[in-house]
C-alpha cells in the first residue's frame, strides 16, 4: 500500500531488499517533498547568485530570501528579521555561540533543556560557560516549566530552547520561555528545525 503523502517524497520511493525504506535519522537530514526538490533545482538553474550584488540573479535571490523570511516569520509567529538561514542548525548554533559568547565572562549562564538537540547544547558547554539543563517530566515528555522559571536568573545571558523536540515531538511553550528570559534581560535562541504548528 502506498500513501499519497509518502509518494510525494522521492527519497521514500527507494527500496532496499525489496522493501520500502523508512528513515529514522531525522536529526541527520530531512527528506523533502518533490516540490521542494523542484524549487531548489529551478533556483540553482535560473537564479543562483550571491546576495546583495547589482545583478538580476542577485536581486532575485535577495527577493526570494526576503519572501522566505516573511513566510517563516508568519509561520512561526515571529519577527521575520529573526529568521536566519544557513548550512544547518548545528553550524548556525556553533557560529552564534562564538559570536555571542565573545562578550560573556565567568559566571555567565546559558539555560538549555533536556529536550534539546545536542547541537543546541554542546556549543555552549564547549565555551566553558555555566550551562543549566532544564529537565523534562518523564511522565509527560514536557519540560519542567517550574524548573525553567527558577533556572533563569540575573546571570542568564541566553535561554536556548527547541520549539519542538526532534526525539519526542514535544512542542515547547516558547512564548512563555521568551517572556521569562526577557524579564531577566536574557536573549532567547529558538531551534525551530523540527517545529510546525
N, C-alpha and C. Protein backbone atom coordinates (compact mmCIF):
# COMPACT_ATOMS: atom_id res chain seq x y z
N UNK A 1 0.84 -1.18 0.00
CA UNK A 1 0.00 0.00 0.00
C UNK A 1 0.89 1.24 0.00
N UNK A 2 0.50 2.21 -0.77
CA UNK A 2 1.25 3.45 -0.84
C UNK A 2 0.33 4.61 -0.48
N UNK A 3 0.80 5.46 0.38
CA UNK A 3 0.02 6.62 0.81
C UNK A 3 0.38 7.82 -0.04
N UNK A 4 -0.60 8.69 -0.37
CA UNK A 4 -0.31 9.86 -1.22
C UNK A 4 0.79 10.75 -0.65
N UNK A 5 0.81 10.95 0.65
CA UNK A 5 1.84 11.80 1.24
C UNK A 5 3.22 11.19 1.04
N UNK A 6 3.34 9.90 1.31
CA UNK A 6 4.62 9.21 1.14
C UNK A 6 5.09 9.31 -0.31
N UNK A 7 4.17 9.18 -1.26
CA UNK A 7 4.53 9.22 -2.67
C UNK A 7 5.11 10.57 -3.10
N UNK A 8 4.82 11.63 -2.36
CA UNK A 8 5.32 12.96 -2.74
C UNK A 8 6.78 13.17 -2.32
N UNK A 9 7.36 12.22 -1.59
CA UNK A 9 8.75 12.31 -1.15
C UNK A 9 9.60 11.34 -1.96
N UNK A 10 10.38 11.84 -2.93
CA UNK A 10 11.17 10.95 -3.79
C UNK A 10 12.05 9.97 -3.02
N UNK A 11 12.66 10.39 -1.94
CA UNK A 11 13.55 9.51 -1.18
C UNK A 11 12.80 8.31 -0.60
N UNK A 12 11.50 8.47 -0.36
CA UNK A 12 10.73 7.38 0.24
C UNK A 12 10.26 6.36 -0.80
N UNK A 13 10.58 6.61 -2.06
CA UNK A 13 10.28 5.62 -3.10
C UNK A 13 11.37 4.55 -3.17
N UNK A 14 12.46 4.83 -2.50
CA UNK A 14 13.59 3.91 -2.51
C UNK A 14 13.21 2.58 -1.85
N UNK A 15 13.82 1.51 -2.36
CA UNK A 15 13.59 0.19 -1.78
C UNK A 15 14.95 -0.42 -1.45
N UNK A 16 14.96 -1.23 -0.42
CA UNK A 16 16.16 -1.95 -0.02
C UNK A 16 15.74 -3.38 0.28
N UNK A 17 16.36 -4.33 -0.41
CA UNK A 17 15.98 -5.74 -0.27
C UNK A 17 14.49 -5.95 -0.50
N UNK A 18 13.99 -5.28 -1.53
CA UNK A 18 12.60 -5.40 -1.94
C UNK A 18 11.59 -4.74 -1.01
N UNK A 19 12.06 -4.07 0.02
CA UNK A 19 11.16 -3.42 0.98
C UNK A 19 11.28 -1.91 0.90
N UNK A 20 10.17 -1.18 1.18
CA UNK A 20 10.27 0.28 1.21
C UNK A 20 11.18 0.74 2.35
N UNK A 21 11.90 1.80 2.09
CA UNK A 21 12.83 2.34 3.08
C UNK A 21 12.10 3.29 4.02
N UNK A 22 12.45 3.22 5.30
CA UNK A 22 11.98 4.19 6.30
C UNK A 22 13.21 4.88 6.86
N UNK A 23 13.14 6.19 7.00
CA UNK A 23 14.28 6.96 7.50
C UNK A 23 14.01 7.33 8.96
N UNK A 24 14.85 6.84 9.85
CA UNK A 24 14.70 7.14 11.27
C UNK A 24 15.84 8.03 11.77
N UNK A 25 16.51 8.71 10.85
CA UNK A 25 17.64 9.57 11.21
C UNK A 25 17.29 11.03 10.96
N UNK A 26 16.10 11.45 11.38
CA UNK A 26 15.64 12.83 11.18
C UNK A 26 16.68 13.88 11.54
N UNK A 27 17.39 13.73 12.68
CA UNK A 27 18.39 14.74 13.01
C UNK A 27 19.55 14.77 12.00
N UNK A 28 19.74 13.67 11.26
CA UNK A 28 20.83 13.62 10.30
C UNK A 28 20.48 14.21 8.95
N UNK A 29 19.26 14.59 8.76
CA UNK A 29 18.84 15.16 7.49
C UNK A 29 17.37 14.89 7.26
N UNK A 30 16.72 15.79 6.62
CA UNK A 30 15.29 15.67 6.40
C UNK A 30 15.00 15.37 4.95
N UNK A 31 14.16 14.38 4.71
CA UNK A 31 13.72 14.07 3.35
C UNK A 31 12.72 15.15 2.93
N UNK A 32 12.80 15.57 1.70
CA UNK A 32 11.94 16.66 1.24
C UNK A 32 11.00 16.18 0.14
N UNK A 33 9.87 16.86 0.03
CA UNK A 33 8.86 16.54 -0.98
C UNK A 33 9.33 17.00 -2.36
N UNK A 34 8.75 16.40 -3.39
CA UNK A 34 9.13 16.71 -4.77
C UNK A 34 9.06 18.20 -5.10
N UNK A 35 8.02 18.94 -4.65
CA UNK A 35 8.01 20.38 -4.97
C UNK A 35 9.22 21.13 -4.39
N UNK A 36 9.75 20.68 -3.27
CA UNK A 36 10.93 21.31 -2.68
C UNK A 36 12.14 21.04 -3.58
N UNK A 37 12.29 19.80 -4.00
CA UNK A 37 13.39 19.43 -4.89
C UNK A 37 13.30 20.25 -6.18
N UNK A 38 12.09 20.37 -6.73
CA UNK A 38 11.89 21.12 -7.98
C UNK A 38 12.21 22.60 -7.79
N UNK A 39 11.78 23.18 -6.67
CA UNK A 39 12.06 24.60 -6.42
C UNK A 39 13.56 24.84 -6.25
N UNK A 40 14.24 23.95 -5.54
CA UNK A 40 15.68 24.11 -5.35
C UNK A 40 16.42 23.96 -6.68
N UNK A 41 16.00 22.99 -7.48
CA UNK A 41 16.62 22.79 -8.79
C UNK A 41 16.41 24.01 -9.68
N UNK A 42 15.18 24.53 -9.69
CA UNK A 42 14.87 25.71 -10.51
C UNK A 42 15.73 26.90 -10.05
N UNK A 43 15.88 27.07 -8.74
CA UNK A 43 16.71 28.17 -8.24
C UNK A 43 18.15 28.00 -8.72
N UNK A 44 18.71 26.81 -8.57
CA UNK A 44 20.10 26.59 -8.96
C UNK A 44 20.32 26.79 -10.45
N UNK A 45 19.34 26.47 -11.26
CA UNK A 45 19.47 26.64 -12.71
C UNK A 45 19.25 28.09 -13.14
N UNK A 46 18.24 28.76 -12.57
CA UNK A 46 17.81 30.06 -13.07
C UNK A 46 18.26 31.27 -12.27
N UNK A 47 18.55 31.11 -10.99
CA UNK A 47 18.75 32.29 -10.14
C UNK A 47 20.01 32.26 -9.28
N UNK A 48 20.75 31.21 -9.24
CA UNK A 48 21.85 31.02 -8.30
C UNK A 48 22.82 32.20 -8.32
N UNK A 49 22.96 32.88 -7.18
CA UNK A 49 23.85 34.06 -7.13
C UNK A 49 24.15 34.42 -5.68
N UNK A 50 25.21 35.21 -5.52
CA UNK A 50 25.49 35.81 -4.21
C UNK A 50 24.44 36.87 -3.92
N UNK A 51 24.24 37.13 -2.66
CA UNK A 51 23.26 38.14 -2.26
C UNK A 51 23.87 39.54 -2.32
N UNK A 52 23.00 40.53 -2.44
CA UNK A 52 23.33 41.95 -2.32
C UNK A 52 24.34 42.45 -3.36
N UNK A 53 24.23 41.97 -4.59
CA UNK A 53 25.02 42.49 -5.69
C UNK A 53 24.07 43.10 -6.71
N UNK A 54 24.60 43.85 -7.64
CA UNK A 54 23.76 44.54 -8.60
C UNK A 54 23.64 43.75 -9.91
N UNK A 55 23.19 42.51 -9.78
CA UNK A 55 22.93 41.65 -10.93
C UNK A 55 21.50 41.15 -10.82
N UNK A 56 20.85 40.87 -11.93
CA UNK A 56 19.47 40.37 -11.86
C UNK A 56 19.33 39.14 -10.97
N UNK A 57 20.27 38.19 -11.10
CA UNK A 57 20.14 36.98 -10.28
C UNK A 57 20.34 37.28 -8.79
N UNK A 58 21.18 38.25 -8.47
CA UNK A 58 21.34 38.66 -7.07
C UNK A 58 20.07 39.30 -6.54
N UNK A 59 19.46 40.16 -7.34
CA UNK A 59 18.20 40.79 -6.92
C UNK A 59 17.12 39.73 -6.71
N UNK A 60 17.08 38.74 -7.62
CA UNK A 60 16.10 37.66 -7.49
C UNK A 60 16.35 36.84 -6.23
N UNK A 61 17.62 36.56 -5.95
CA UNK A 61 17.97 35.81 -4.74
C UNK A 61 17.58 36.59 -3.50
N UNK A 62 17.89 37.89 -3.48
CA UNK A 62 17.51 38.72 -2.33
C UNK A 62 16.00 38.71 -2.12
N UNK A 63 15.25 38.82 -3.21
CA UNK A 63 13.78 38.83 -3.10
C UNK A 63 13.26 37.49 -2.59
N UNK A 64 13.85 36.39 -3.05
CA UNK A 64 13.43 35.07 -2.58
C UNK A 64 13.71 34.89 -1.09
N UNK A 65 14.89 35.32 -0.67
CA UNK A 65 15.24 35.20 0.75
C UNK A 65 14.31 36.06 1.61
N UNK A 66 14.02 37.26 1.16
CA UNK A 66 13.12 38.14 1.91
C UNK A 66 11.72 37.52 1.98
N UNK A 67 11.26 36.98 0.87
CA UNK A 67 9.96 36.31 0.86
C UNK A 67 9.92 35.12 1.80
N UNK A 68 11.01 34.35 1.82
CA UNK A 68 11.09 33.20 2.72
C UNK A 68 11.11 33.64 4.17
N UNK A 69 11.86 34.71 4.47
CA UNK A 69 11.88 35.23 5.85
C UNK A 69 10.48 35.66 6.29
N UNK A 70 9.78 36.36 5.40
CA UNK A 70 8.41 36.79 5.70
C UNK A 70 7.52 35.58 5.97
N UNK A 71 7.61 34.59 5.10
CA UNK A 71 6.76 33.40 5.23
C UNK A 71 7.06 32.64 6.52
N UNK A 72 8.34 32.46 6.83
CA UNK A 72 8.69 31.74 8.06
C UNK A 72 8.38 32.56 9.30
N UNK A 73 8.54 33.88 9.22
CA UNK A 73 8.15 34.73 10.34
C UNK A 73 6.68 34.55 10.66
N UNK A 74 5.85 34.56 9.63
CA UNK A 74 4.41 34.34 9.83
C UNK A 74 4.14 32.93 10.34
N UNK A 75 4.81 31.94 9.75
CA UNK A 75 4.63 30.54 10.11
C UNK A 75 4.93 30.29 11.58
N UNK A 76 6.03 30.90 12.06
CA UNK A 76 6.45 30.71 13.45
C UNK A 76 5.88 31.75 14.40
N UNK A 77 5.19 32.74 13.86
CA UNK A 77 4.62 33.78 14.71
C UNK A 77 5.68 34.70 15.28
N UNK A 78 6.73 34.95 14.52
CA UNK A 78 7.82 35.80 14.99
C UNK A 78 8.18 36.89 13.99
N UNK A 79 9.18 37.66 14.34
CA UNK A 79 9.67 38.74 13.51
C UNK A 79 10.50 38.16 12.37
N UNK A 80 10.18 38.45 11.13
CA UNK A 80 10.97 37.93 10.00
C UNK A 80 12.45 38.28 10.09
N UNK A 81 12.79 39.39 10.75
CA UNK A 81 14.21 39.76 10.89
C UNK A 81 14.96 38.75 11.76
N UNK A 82 14.24 37.96 12.54
CA UNK A 82 14.87 36.95 13.39
C UNK A 82 15.03 35.60 12.71
N UNK A 83 14.58 35.49 11.46
CA UNK A 83 14.70 34.24 10.71
C UNK A 83 16.06 34.23 10.02
N UNK A 84 16.83 33.19 10.29
CA UNK A 84 18.19 33.10 9.76
C UNK A 84 18.33 31.79 9.00
N UNK A 85 18.95 31.86 7.84
CA UNK A 85 19.20 30.67 7.04
C UNK A 85 20.70 30.37 7.06
N UNK A 86 21.03 29.10 7.00
CA UNK A 86 22.42 28.70 6.97
C UNK A 86 22.55 27.26 6.53
N UNK A 87 23.75 26.75 6.62
CA UNK A 87 24.03 25.39 6.16
C UNK A 87 23.17 24.36 6.89
N UNK A 88 23.08 24.49 8.20
CA UNK A 88 22.29 23.59 9.03
C UNK A 88 22.24 24.16 10.44
N UNK A 89 21.40 23.59 11.26
CA UNK A 89 21.21 24.11 12.61
C UNK A 89 22.50 24.00 13.44
N UNK A 90 23.22 22.91 13.29
CA UNK A 90 24.45 22.70 14.07
C UNK A 90 25.47 23.79 13.76
N UNK A 91 25.69 24.06 12.49
CA UNK A 91 26.66 25.08 12.09
C UNK A 91 26.22 26.47 12.55
N UNK A 92 24.94 26.78 12.36
CA UNK A 92 24.43 28.09 12.79
C UNK A 92 24.60 28.29 14.30
N UNK A 93 24.29 27.27 15.07
CA UNK A 93 24.40 27.39 16.53
C UNK A 93 25.86 27.54 16.95
N UNK A 94 26.74 26.80 16.32
CA UNK A 94 28.17 26.92 16.62
C UNK A 94 28.64 28.36 16.39
N UNK A 95 28.30 28.92 15.24
CA UNK A 95 28.73 30.29 14.93
C UNK A 95 28.08 31.31 15.87
N UNK A 96 26.80 31.13 16.15
CA UNK A 96 26.10 32.03 17.06
C UNK A 96 26.72 31.98 18.45
N UNK A 97 27.04 30.79 18.92
CA UNK A 97 27.63 30.67 20.26
C UNK A 97 28.95 31.42 20.35
N UNK A 98 29.76 31.34 19.31
CA UNK A 98 31.06 32.03 19.31
C UNK A 98 30.87 33.55 19.27
N UNK A 99 29.91 34.00 18.49
CA UNK A 99 29.67 35.44 18.36
C UNK A 99 29.13 36.02 19.66
N UNK A 100 28.13 35.38 20.24
CA UNK A 100 27.52 35.91 21.46
C UNK A 100 28.46 35.84 22.66
N UNK A 101 29.12 34.71 22.81
CA UNK A 101 29.94 34.50 24.00
C UNK A 101 31.21 35.33 24.01
N UNK A 102 31.54 35.98 22.91
CA UNK A 102 32.74 36.82 22.88
C UNK A 102 32.68 37.91 23.94
N UNK A 103 31.48 38.34 24.30
CA UNK A 103 31.32 39.39 25.30
C UNK A 103 30.90 38.86 26.67
N UNK A 104 30.85 37.56 26.83
CA UNK A 104 30.43 36.98 28.11
C UNK A 104 31.65 36.55 28.90
N UNK A 105 31.47 36.41 30.20
CA UNK A 105 32.59 36.06 31.05
C UNK A 105 32.24 35.00 32.08
N UNK A 106 33.18 34.79 33.01
CA UNK A 106 32.97 33.79 34.06
C UNK A 106 31.68 34.07 34.83
N UNK A 107 30.94 33.00 35.09
CA UNK A 107 29.70 33.13 35.84
C UNK A 107 28.49 33.39 34.97
N UNK A 108 28.72 33.78 33.71
CA UNK A 108 27.58 33.97 32.81
C UNK A 108 26.96 32.61 32.51
N UNK A 109 25.66 32.62 32.35
CA UNK A 109 24.92 31.38 32.31
C UNK A 109 24.09 31.26 31.02
N UNK A 110 24.02 30.04 30.53
CA UNK A 110 23.13 29.70 29.42
C UNK A 110 22.20 28.60 29.92
N UNK A 111 20.91 28.78 29.68
CA UNK A 111 19.92 27.78 30.07
C UNK A 111 19.51 27.01 28.82
N UNK A 112 19.60 25.68 28.88
CA UNK A 112 19.18 24.80 27.80
C UNK A 112 18.21 23.78 28.39
N UNK A 113 17.73 22.86 27.57
CA UNK A 113 16.78 21.88 28.10
C UNK A 113 17.18 20.46 27.73
N UNK A 114 16.64 19.55 28.49
CA UNK A 114 16.88 18.13 28.26
C UNK A 114 16.23 17.65 26.95
N UNK A 115 15.29 18.41 26.44
CA UNK A 115 14.61 18.04 25.19
C UNK A 115 15.36 18.55 23.96
N UNK A 116 16.38 19.37 24.15
CA UNK A 116 17.07 19.97 23.02
C UNK A 116 17.94 18.97 22.27
N UNK A 117 18.09 19.21 20.98
CA UNK A 117 19.07 18.51 20.17
C UNK A 117 20.44 18.90 20.71
N UNK A 118 21.40 17.99 20.66
CA UNK A 118 22.74 18.30 21.21
C UNK A 118 23.38 19.52 20.56
N UNK A 119 23.01 19.81 19.32
CA UNK A 119 23.57 20.99 18.65
C UNK A 119 23.11 22.28 19.31
N UNK A 120 22.06 22.22 20.13
CA UNK A 120 21.58 23.39 20.85
C UNK A 120 22.13 23.43 22.27
N UNK A 121 22.96 22.45 22.63
CA UNK A 121 23.52 22.36 23.98
C UNK A 121 25.04 22.40 23.96
N UNK A 122 25.64 21.53 23.16
CA UNK A 122 27.09 21.35 23.18
C UNK A 122 27.91 22.60 22.88
N UNK A 123 27.53 23.45 21.92
CA UNK A 123 28.36 24.63 21.66
C UNK A 123 28.53 25.52 22.89
N UNK A 124 27.50 25.60 23.70
CA UNK A 124 27.57 26.44 24.90
C UNK A 124 28.47 25.79 25.95
N UNK A 125 28.38 24.47 26.08
CA UNK A 125 29.23 23.75 27.04
C UNK A 125 30.70 23.87 26.66
N UNK A 126 30.99 23.78 25.36
CA UNK A 126 32.38 23.84 24.89
C UNK A 126 33.03 25.19 25.16
N UNK A 127 32.23 26.22 25.37
CA UNK A 127 32.78 27.54 25.66
C UNK A 127 33.14 27.72 27.13
N UNK A 128 32.83 26.73 27.94
CA UNK A 128 33.14 26.82 29.36
C UNK A 128 32.17 27.68 30.14
N UNK A 129 31.02 27.97 29.57
CA UNK A 129 30.02 28.76 30.28
C UNK A 129 29.28 27.87 31.28
N UNK A 130 28.64 28.50 32.23
CA UNK A 130 27.79 27.74 33.15
C UNK A 130 26.52 27.38 32.38
N UNK A 131 26.33 26.10 32.13
CA UNK A 131 25.17 25.63 31.38
C UNK A 131 24.22 24.92 32.33
N UNK A 132 23.01 25.43 32.43
CA UNK A 132 21.98 24.84 33.27
C UNK A 132 21.01 24.09 32.36
N UNK A 133 20.81 22.81 32.64
CA UNK A 133 19.93 21.99 31.83
C UNK A 133 18.59 21.81 32.54
N UNK A 134 17.54 22.31 31.94
CA UNK A 134 16.19 22.16 32.50
C UNK A 134 15.69 20.76 32.16
N UNK A 135 15.26 20.00 33.17
CA UNK A 135 14.82 18.62 32.91
C UNK A 135 13.42 18.55 32.30
N UNK A 136 13.13 17.38 31.77
CA UNK A 136 11.77 17.13 31.33
C UNK A 136 11.06 16.32 32.42
N UNK A 137 9.76 16.30 32.36
CA UNK A 137 8.96 15.48 33.26
C UNK A 137 8.74 14.15 32.53
N UNK A 138 9.36 13.06 32.99
CA UNK A 138 9.31 11.80 32.24
C UNK A 138 7.89 11.30 31.95
N UNK A 139 6.99 11.52 32.87
CA UNK A 139 5.63 11.01 32.69
C UNK A 139 4.87 11.72 31.55
N UNK A 140 5.25 12.95 31.27
CA UNK A 140 4.52 13.73 30.25
C UNK A 140 5.34 14.02 29.01
N UNK A 141 6.66 13.93 29.11
CA UNK A 141 7.52 14.31 28.00
C UNK A 141 7.61 15.82 27.81
N UNK A 142 7.06 16.57 28.75
CA UNK A 142 7.08 18.04 28.70
C UNK A 142 8.24 18.56 29.55
N UNK A 143 8.66 19.78 29.27
CA UNK A 143 9.67 20.42 30.11
C UNK A 143 9.08 20.70 31.48
N UNK A 144 9.95 20.73 32.48
CA UNK A 144 9.54 21.14 33.82
C UNK A 144 9.61 22.67 33.85
N UNK A 145 8.48 23.31 33.61
CA UNK A 145 8.46 24.77 33.48
C UNK A 145 8.71 25.49 34.80
N UNK A 146 8.41 24.84 35.93
CA UNK A 146 8.77 25.44 37.21
C UNK A 146 10.28 25.53 37.33
N UNK A 147 10.98 24.46 36.91
CA UNK A 147 12.44 24.46 36.92
C UNK A 147 12.99 25.48 35.92
N UNK A 148 12.34 25.60 34.79
CA UNK A 148 12.77 26.59 33.79
C UNK A 148 12.71 27.99 34.37
N UNK A 149 11.59 28.31 34.99
CA UNK A 149 11.43 29.65 35.57
C UNK A 149 12.49 29.91 36.64
N UNK A 150 12.77 28.90 37.48
CA UNK A 150 13.79 29.06 38.53
C UNK A 150 15.20 29.16 37.95
N UNK A 151 15.45 28.49 36.82
CA UNK A 151 16.79 28.47 36.24
C UNK A 151 17.20 29.81 35.64
N UNK A 152 16.22 30.58 35.19
CA UNK A 152 16.51 31.86 34.54
C UNK A 152 16.68 32.93 35.60
N UNK A 153 17.90 33.50 35.66
CA UNK A 153 18.18 34.49 36.69
C UNK A 153 19.02 35.65 36.19
N UNK A 154 19.57 36.37 37.12
CA UNK A 154 20.31 37.60 36.78
C UNK A 154 21.59 37.32 35.99
N UNK A 155 22.17 36.12 36.11
CA UNK A 155 23.39 35.79 35.36
C UNK A 155 23.08 35.11 34.02
N UNK A 156 21.81 34.88 33.74
CA UNK A 156 21.43 34.23 32.49
C UNK A 156 21.62 35.20 31.33
N UNK A 157 22.43 34.80 30.38
CA UNK A 157 22.66 35.61 29.19
C UNK A 157 21.81 35.13 28.02
N UNK A 158 21.52 33.82 28.02
CA UNK A 158 20.79 33.23 26.91
C UNK A 158 19.98 32.03 27.39
N UNK A 159 18.77 31.91 26.85
CA UNK A 159 17.98 30.70 27.01
C UNK A 159 17.87 30.09 25.62
N UNK A 160 18.43 28.90 25.45
CA UNK A 160 18.39 28.20 24.16
C UNK A 160 17.39 27.06 24.30
N UNK A 161 16.36 27.09 23.47
CA UNK A 161 15.28 26.11 23.59
C UNK A 161 14.82 25.67 22.21
N UNK A 162 14.44 24.42 22.11
CA UNK A 162 13.86 23.93 20.87
C UNK A 162 12.37 24.25 20.84
N UNK A 163 11.88 24.66 19.69
CA UNK A 163 10.43 24.89 19.58
C UNK A 163 9.69 23.56 19.70
N UNK A 164 10.32 22.50 19.20
CA UNK A 164 9.77 21.15 19.31
C UNK A 164 10.92 20.16 19.40
N UNK A 165 10.70 19.10 20.13
CA UNK A 165 11.74 18.09 20.31
C UNK A 165 11.81 17.16 19.11
N UNK A 166 13.02 16.94 18.59
CA UNK A 166 13.18 16.00 17.50
C UNK A 166 13.08 14.56 17.99
N UNK A 167 13.20 14.33 19.28
CA UNK A 167 13.14 12.98 19.83
C UNK A 167 11.72 12.57 20.20
N UNK A 168 10.99 13.46 20.87
CA UNK A 168 9.65 13.11 21.37
C UNK A 168 8.52 13.78 20.62
N UNK A 169 8.82 14.85 19.90
CA UNK A 169 7.76 15.60 19.23
C UNK A 169 7.09 16.61 20.13
N UNK A 170 7.57 16.74 21.35
CA UNK A 170 7.00 17.70 22.30
C UNK A 170 7.13 19.11 21.76
N UNK A 171 6.03 19.85 21.80
CA UNK A 171 6.04 21.26 21.40
C UNK A 171 6.17 22.08 22.68
N UNK A 172 7.22 22.85 22.76
CA UNK A 172 7.51 23.63 23.97
C UNK A 172 6.76 24.96 23.99
N UNK A 173 6.56 25.48 25.18
CA UNK A 173 5.87 26.76 25.38
C UNK A 173 6.87 27.90 25.18
N UNK A 174 7.27 28.11 23.95
CA UNK A 174 8.32 29.07 23.62
C UNK A 174 7.93 30.48 24.04
N UNK A 175 6.70 30.88 23.82
CA UNK A 175 6.27 32.23 24.21
C UNK A 175 6.49 32.50 25.68
N UNK A 176 6.18 31.52 26.52
CA UNK A 176 6.39 31.68 27.96
C UNK A 176 7.88 31.78 28.29
N UNK A 177 8.68 30.94 27.64
CA UNK A 177 10.13 30.95 27.87
C UNK A 177 10.73 32.30 27.45
N UNK A 178 10.30 32.81 26.30
CA UNK A 178 10.78 34.12 25.83
C UNK A 178 10.42 35.21 26.83
N UNK A 179 9.22 35.15 27.36
CA UNK A 179 8.80 36.15 28.35
C UNK A 179 9.68 36.10 29.60
N UNK A 180 9.91 34.90 30.13
CA UNK A 180 10.76 34.78 31.32
C UNK A 180 12.18 35.25 31.04
N UNK A 181 12.73 34.87 29.89
CA UNK A 181 14.09 35.30 29.54
C UNK A 181 14.15 36.82 29.41
N UNK A 182 13.16 37.40 28.76
CA UNK A 182 13.13 38.86 28.59
C UNK A 182 13.09 39.60 29.91
N UNK A 183 12.32 39.09 30.86
CA UNK A 183 12.26 39.72 32.18
C UNK A 183 13.62 39.72 32.87
N UNK A 184 14.43 38.69 32.58
CA UNK A 184 15.76 38.59 33.19
C UNK A 184 16.81 39.33 32.37
N UNK A 185 16.41 39.92 31.24
CA UNK A 185 17.36 40.62 30.38
C UNK A 185 18.18 39.68 29.52
N UNK A 186 17.71 38.44 29.35
CA UNK A 186 18.44 37.44 28.58
C UNK A 186 17.89 37.34 27.16
N UNK A 187 18.74 36.93 26.26
CA UNK A 187 18.34 36.63 24.89
C UNK A 187 17.70 35.24 24.84
N UNK A 188 16.92 34.99 23.80
CA UNK A 188 16.37 33.65 23.58
C UNK A 188 16.77 33.20 22.18
N UNK A 189 17.26 31.97 22.10
CA UNK A 189 17.60 31.34 20.82
C UNK A 189 16.68 30.14 20.66
N UNK A 190 15.89 30.13 19.59
CA UNK A 190 14.92 29.06 19.37
C UNK A 190 15.35 28.22 18.17
N UNK A 191 15.55 26.93 18.41
CA UNK A 191 15.81 25.97 17.34
C UNK A 191 14.44 25.51 16.85
N UNK A 192 14.07 25.92 15.65
CA UNK A 192 12.74 25.59 15.11
C UNK A 192 12.80 24.55 14.00
N UNK A 193 13.90 23.81 13.93
CA UNK A 193 14.07 22.84 12.84
C UNK A 193 12.94 21.82 12.80
N UNK A 194 12.50 21.34 13.95
CA UNK A 194 11.50 20.26 13.99
C UNK A 194 10.11 20.76 14.32
N UNK A 195 9.87 22.03 14.15
CA UNK A 195 8.60 22.61 14.56
C UNK A 195 7.70 22.94 13.38
N UNK A 196 6.46 22.58 13.52
CA UNK A 196 5.41 23.03 12.59
C UNK A 196 4.13 23.14 13.40
N UNK A 197 3.55 24.34 13.49
CA UNK A 197 2.35 24.49 14.32
C UNK A 197 1.16 23.73 13.75
